[in-house]
Amino acid sequence: MILSDIRIQEEMEKGTIVIKPYDRECLGSNSYDIHLGKWLATYRNTYSTPKSITK
């Protein structure tokens, strides 16, 4: 889904989207430019596939 800058602002006002820290200069016509800092969060898939049941 692509949101326009107006829609991004509307969703931020509703609290649906949270951008911290927020800088209006980073808001494009249909995007928000992010900048990587010293730390980068990564996520691991913790879902495990159930073992097949054998008889």
PDB file of N, CA and C in Angstrom:
ATOM      1  N   MET A   1       0.835  -1.160   0.000  1.00  0.00           N
ATOM      2  CA  MET A   1       0.000   0.000   0.000  1.00  0.00           C
ATOM      3  C   MET A   1       0.891   1.239   0.000  1.00  0.00           C
ATOM      4  N   ILE A   2       0.571   2.192  -0.824  1.00  0.00           N
ATOM      5  CA  ILE A   2       1.301   3.447  -0.883  1.00  0.00           C
ATOM      6  C   ILE A   2       0.386   4.542  -0.355  1.00  0.00           C
ATOM      7  N   LEU A   3       0.902   5.305   0.599  1.00  0.00           N
ATOM      8  CA  LEU A   3       0.125   6.397   1.175  1.00  0.00           C
ATOM      9  C   LEU A   3       0.688   7.731   0.702  1.00  0.00           C
ATOM     10  N   SER A   4      -0.195   8.675   0.422  1.00  0.00           N
ATOM     11  CA  SER A   4       0.239  10.018   0.055  1.00  0.00           C
ATOM     12  C   SER A   4       0.731  10.746   1.299  1.00  0.00           C
ATOM     13  N   ASP A   5       1.426  11.857   1.092  1.00  0.00           N
ATOM     14  CA  ASP A   5       1.914  12.628   2.227  1.00  0.00           C
ATOM     15  C   ASP A   5       0.768  13.099   3.116  1.00  0.00           C
ATOM     16  N   ILE A   6      -0.337  13.473   2.508  1.00  0.00           N
ATOM     17  CA  ILE A   6      -1.501  13.919   3.282  1.00  0.00           C
ATOM     18  C   ILE A   6      -2.042  12.768   4.117  1.00  0.00           C
ATOM     19  N   ARG A   7      -2.117  11.579   3.529  1.00  0.00           N
ATOM     20  CA  ARG A   7      -2.625  10.404   4.252  1.00  0.00           C
ATOM     21  C   ARG A   7      -1.672   9.988   5.369  1.00  0.00           C
ATOM     22  N   ILE A   8      -0.362  10.096   5.125  1.00  0.00           N
ATOM     23  CA  ILE A   8       0.608   9.789   6.172  1.00  0.00           C
ATOM     24  C   ILE A   8       0.395  10.727   7.356  1.00  0.00           C
ATOM     25  N   GLN A   9       0.217  12.010   7.090  1.00  0.00           N
ATOM     26  CA  GLN A   9      -0.015  12.979   8.165  1.00  0.00           C
ATOM     27  C   GLN A   9      -1.323  12.689   8.900  1.00  0.00           C
ATOM     28  N   GLU A  10      -2.372  12.344   8.156  1.00  0.00           N
ATOM     29  CA  GLU A  10      -3.659  12.010   8.787  1.00  0.00           C
ATOM     30  C   GLU A  10      -3.516  10.812   9.720  1.00  0.00           C
ATOM     31  N   GLU A  11      -2.829   9.780   9.251  1.00  0.00           N
ATOM     32  CA  GLU A  11      -2.644   8.577  10.057  1.00  0.00           C
ATOM     33  C   GLU A  11      -1.761   8.851  11.274  1.00  0.00           C
ATOM     34  N   MET A  12      -0.794   9.750  11.136  1.00  0.00           N
ATOM     35  CA  MET A  12       0.027  10.134  12.280  1.00  0.00           C
ATOM     36  C   MET A  12      -0.812  10.850  13.332  1.00  0.00           C
ATOM     37  N   GLU A  13      -1.721  11.711  12.888  1.00  0.00           N
ATOM     38  CA  GLU A  13      -2.604  12.426  13.813  1.00  0.00           C
ATOM     39  C   GLU A  13      -3.526  11.460  14.551  1.00  0.00           C
ATOM     40  N   LYS A  14      -3.962  10.400  13.863  1.00  0.00           N
ATOM     41  CA  LYS A  14      -4.819   9.380  14.489  1.00  0.00           C
ATOM     42  C   LYS A  14      -4.016   8.445  15.389  1.00  0.00           C
ATOM     43  N   GLY A  15      -2.707   8.408  15.210  1.00  0.00           N
ATOM     44  CA  GLY A  15      -1.867   7.511  15.988  1.00  0.00           C
ATOM     45  C   GLY A  15      -1.668   6.152  15.347  1.00  0.00           C
ATOM     46  N   THR A  16      -2.183   5.970  14.137  1.00  0.00           N
ATOM     47  CA  THR A  16      -2.028   4.713  13.411  1.00  0.00           C
ATOM     48  C   THR A  16      -0.577   4.516  12.964  1.00  0.00           C
ATOM     49  N   ILE A  17       0.062   5.622  12.608  1.00  0.00           N
ATOM     50  CA  ILE A  17       1.464   5.610  12.198  1.00  0.00           C
ATOM     51  C   ILE A  17       2.247   6.465  13.187  1.00  0.00           C
ATOM     52  N   VAL A  18       3.369   5.940  13.672  1.00  0.00           N
ATOM     53  CA  VAL A  18       4.232   6.684  14.578  1.00  0.00           C
ATOM     54  C   VAL A  18       5.623   6.758  13.959  1.00  0.00           C
ATOM     55  N   ILE A  19       6.132   7.959  13.794  1.00  0.00           N
ATOM     56  CA  ILE A  19       7.477   8.167  13.271  1.00  0.00           C
ATOM     57  C   ILE A  19       8.218   9.031  14.286  1.00  0.00           C
ATOM     58  N   LYS A  20       9.250   8.454  14.894  1.00  0.00           N
ATOM     59  CA  LYS A  20      10.054   9.188  15.880  1.00  0.00           C
ATOM     60  C   LYS A  20      11.514   8.964  15.579  1.00  0.00           C
ATOM     61  N   PRO A  21      12.309   9.957  15.458  1.00  0.00           N
ATOM     62  CA  PRO A  21      11.917  11.370  15.424  1.00  0.00           C
ATOM     63  C   PRO A  21      11.311  11.716  14.064  1.00  0.00           C
ATOM     64  N   TYR A  22      10.404  12.652  14.059  1.00  0.00           N
ATOM     65  CA  TYR A  22       9.718  13.065  12.834  1.00  0.00           C
ATOM     66  C   TYR A  22      10.292  14.387  12.353  1.00  0.00           C
ATOM     67  N   ASP A  23      10.554  14.477  11.071  1.00  0.00           N
ATOM     68  CA  ASP A  23      11.039  15.704  10.449  1.00  0.00           C
ATOM     69  C   ASP A  23      10.223  15.928   9.186  1.00  0.00           C
ATOM     70  N   ARG A  24       9.477  16.998   9.132  1.00  0.00           N
ATOM     71  CA  ARG A  24       8.609  17.298   7.984  1.00  0.00           C
ATOM     72  C   ARG A  24       9.389  17.319   6.670  1.00  0.00           C
ATOM     73  N   GLU A  25      10.662  17.693   6.732  1.00  0.00           N
ATOM     74  CA  GLU A  25      11.508  17.738   5.538  1.00  0.00           C
ATOM     75  C   GLU A  25      11.712  16.352   4.916  1.00  0.00           C
ATOM     76  N   CYS A  26      11.530  15.293   5.693  1.00  0.00           N
ATOM     77  CA  CYS A  26      11.731  13.922   5.194  1.00  0.00           C
ATOM     78  C   CYS A  26      10.473  13.341   4.554  1.00  0.00           C
ATOM     79  N   LEU A  27       9.356  14.060   4.642  1.00  0.00           N
ATOM     80  CA  LEU A  27       8.098  13.576   4.085  1.00  0.00           C
ATOM     81  C   LEU A  27       8.017  13.932   2.618  1.00  0.00           C
ATOM     82  N   GLY A  28       7.950  12.894   1.769  1.00  0.00           N
ATOM     83  CA  GLY A  28       7.830  13.105   0.331  1.00  0.00           C
ATOM     84  C   GLY A  28       6.375  13.025  -0.090  1.00  0.00           C
ATOM     85  N   SER A  29       6.119  13.034  -1.387  1.00  0.00           N
ATOM     86  CA  SER A  29       4.744  13.009  -1.880  1.00  0.00           C
ATOM     87  C   SER A  29       4.038  11.684  -1.582  1.00  0.00           C
ATOM     88  N   ASN A  30       4.799  10.589  -1.469  1.00  0.00           N
ATOM     89  CA  ASN A  30       4.187   9.302  -1.113  1.00  0.00           C
ATOM     90  C   ASN A  30       5.180   8.423  -0.353  1.00  0.00           C
ATOM     91  N   SER A  31       6.029   9.066   0.460  1.00  0.00           N
ATOM     92  CA  SER A  31       7.014   8.299   1.216  1.00  0.00           C
ATOM     93  C   SER A  31       7.560   9.138   2.369  1.00  0.00           C
ATOM     94  N   TYR A  32       8.284   8.467   3.252  1.00  0.00           N
ATOM     95  CA  TYR A  32       9.017   9.153   4.310  1.00  0.00           C
ATOM     96  C   TYR A  32      10.453   8.650   4.248  1.00  0.00           C
ATOM     97  N   ASP A  33      11.387   9.556   4.061  1.00  0.00           N
ATOM     98  CA  ASP A  33      12.803   9.191   3.971  1.00  0.00           C
ATOM     99  C   ASP A  33      13.343   8.903   5.364  1.00  0.00           C
ATOM    100  N   ILE A  34      13.962   7.751   5.518  1.00  0.00           N
ATOM    101  CA  ILE A  34      14.551   7.403   6.801  1.00  0.00           C
ATOM    102  C   ILE A  34      16.068   7.424   6.678  1.00  0.00           C
ATOM    103  N   HIS A  35      16.714   7.569   7.803  1.00  0.00           N
ATOM    104  CA  HIS A  35      18.169   7.609   7.845  1.00  0.00           C
ATOM    105  C   HIS A  35      18.627   6.604   8.883  1.00  0.00           C
ATOM    106  N   LEU A  36      19.560   5.761   8.499  1.00  0.00           N
ATOM    107  CA  LEU A  36      20.062   4.768   9.428  1.00  0.00           C
ATOM    108  C   LEU A  36      21.015   5.425  10.415  1.00  0.00           C
ATOM    109  N   GLY A  37      20.941   4.960  11.644  1.00  0.00           N
ATOM    110  CA  GLY A  37      21.812   5.486  12.679  1.00  0.00           C
ATOM    111  C   GLY A  37      22.858   4.471  13.070  1.00  0.00           C
ATOM    112  N   LYS A  38      23.312   4.587  14.298  1.00  0.00           N
ATOM    113  CA  LYS A  38      24.359   3.719  14.796  1.00  0.00           C
ATOM    114  C   LYS A  38      23.870   2.281  14.962  1.00  0.00           C
ATOM    115  N   TRP A  39      22.624   2.096  15.287  1.00  0.00           N
ATOM    116  CA  TRP A  39      22.057   0.767  15.550  1.00  0.00           C
ATOM    117  C   TRP A  39      20.964   0.443  14.544  1.00  0.00           C
ATOM    118  N   LEU A  40      20.867  -0.817  14.186  1.00  0.00           N
ATOM    119  CA  LEU A  40      19.837  -1.280  13.264  1.00  0.00           C
ATOM    120  C   LEU A  40      19.165  -2.500  13.877  1.00  0.00           C
ATOM    121  N   ALA A  41      17.861  -2.435  14.040  1.00  0.00           N
ATOM    122  CA  ALA A  41      17.117  -3.565  14.608  1.00  0.00           C
ATOM    123  C   ALA A  41      16.865  -4.597  13.518  1.00  0.00           C
ATOM    124  N   THR A  42      17.035  -5.855  13.867  1.00  0.00           N
ATOM    125  CA  THR A  42      16.696  -6.939  12.954  1.00  0.00           C
ATOM    126  C   THR A  42      15.749  -7.882  13.677  1.00  0.00           C
ATOM    127  N   TYR A  43      14.952  -8.572  12.931  1.00  0.00           N
ATOM    128  CA  TYR A  43      13.961  -9.461  13.511  1.00  0.00           C
ATOM    129  C   TYR A  43      14.166 -10.866  12.994  1.00  0.00           C
ATOM    130  N   ARG A  44      13.959 -11.818  13.870  1.00  0.00           N
ATOM    131  CA  ARG A  44      14.083 -13.220  13.484  1.00  0.00           C
ATOM    132  C   ARG A  44      12.701 -13.853  13.455  1.00  0.00           C
ATOM    133  N   ASN A  45      12.510 -14.743  12.522  1.00  0.00           N
ATOM    134  CA  ASN A  45      11.255 -15.470  12.442  1.00  0.00           C
ATOM    135  C   ASN A  45      11.240 -16.506  13.567  1.00  0.00           C
ATOM    136  N   THR A  46      10.361 -16.327  14.531  1.00  0.00           N
ATOM    137  CA  THR A  46      10.296 -17.260  15.660  1.00  0.00           C
ATOM    138  C   THR A  46       9.208 -18.303  15.468  1.00  0.00           C
ATOM    139  N   TYR A  47       8.527 -18.228  14.339  1.00  0.00           N
ATOM    140  CA  TYR A  47       7.486 -19.210  14.059  1.00  0.00           C
ATOM    141  C   TYR A  47       8.148 -20.509  13.628  1.00  0.00           C
ATOM    142  N   SER A  48       7.766 -21.609  14.277  1.00  0.00           N
ATOM    143  CA  SER A  48       8.323 -22.887  13.859  1.00  0.00           C
ATOM    144  C   SER A  48       7.252 -23.712  13.160  1.00  0.00           C
ATOM    145  N   THR A  49       7.630 -24.350  12.104  1.00  0.00           N
ATOM    146  CA  THR A  49       6.724 -25.176  11.334  1.00  0.00           C
ATOM    147  C   THR A  49       6.453 -26.459  12.113  1.00  0.00           C
ATOM    148  N   PRO A  50       5.181 -26.801  12.299  1.00  0.00           N
ATOM    149  CA  PRO A  50       4.874 -28.030  13.034  1.00  0.00           C
ATOM    150  C   PRO A  50       5.453 -29.265  12.317  1.00  0.00           C
ATOM    151  N   LYS A  51       5.948 -30.186  13.093  1.00  0.00           N
ATOM    152  CA  LYS A  51       6.473 -31.431  12.520  1.00  0.00           C
ATOM    153  C   LYS A  51       5.299 -32.226  11.967  1.00  0.00           C
ATOM    154  N   SER A  52       5.528 -32.896  10.868  1.00  0.00           N
ATOM    155  CA  SER A  52       4.441 -33.687  10.289  1.00  0.00           C
ATOM    156  C   SER A  52       4.128 -34.871  11.204  1.00  0.00           C
ATOM    157  N   ILE A  53       2.894 -35.214  11.239  1.00  0.00           N
ATOM    158  CA  ILE A  53       2.440 -36.336  12.060  1.00  0.00           C
ATOM    159  C   ILE A  53       2.554 -37.632  11.250  1.00  0.00           C
ATOM    160  N   THR A  54       3.277 -38.562  11.756  1.00  0.00           N
ATOM    161  CA  THR A  54       3.430 -39.855  11.063  1.00  0.00           C
ATOM    162  C   THR A  54       2.766 -40.929  11.891  1.00  0.00           C
ATOM    163  N   LYS A  55       2.249 -41.933  11.227  1.00  0.00           N
ATOM    164  CA  LYS A  55       1.584 -43.028  11.941  1.00  0.00           C
ATOM    165  C   LYS A  55       2.446 -44.251  11.949  1.00  0.00           C
TER     166      LYS A  55
END
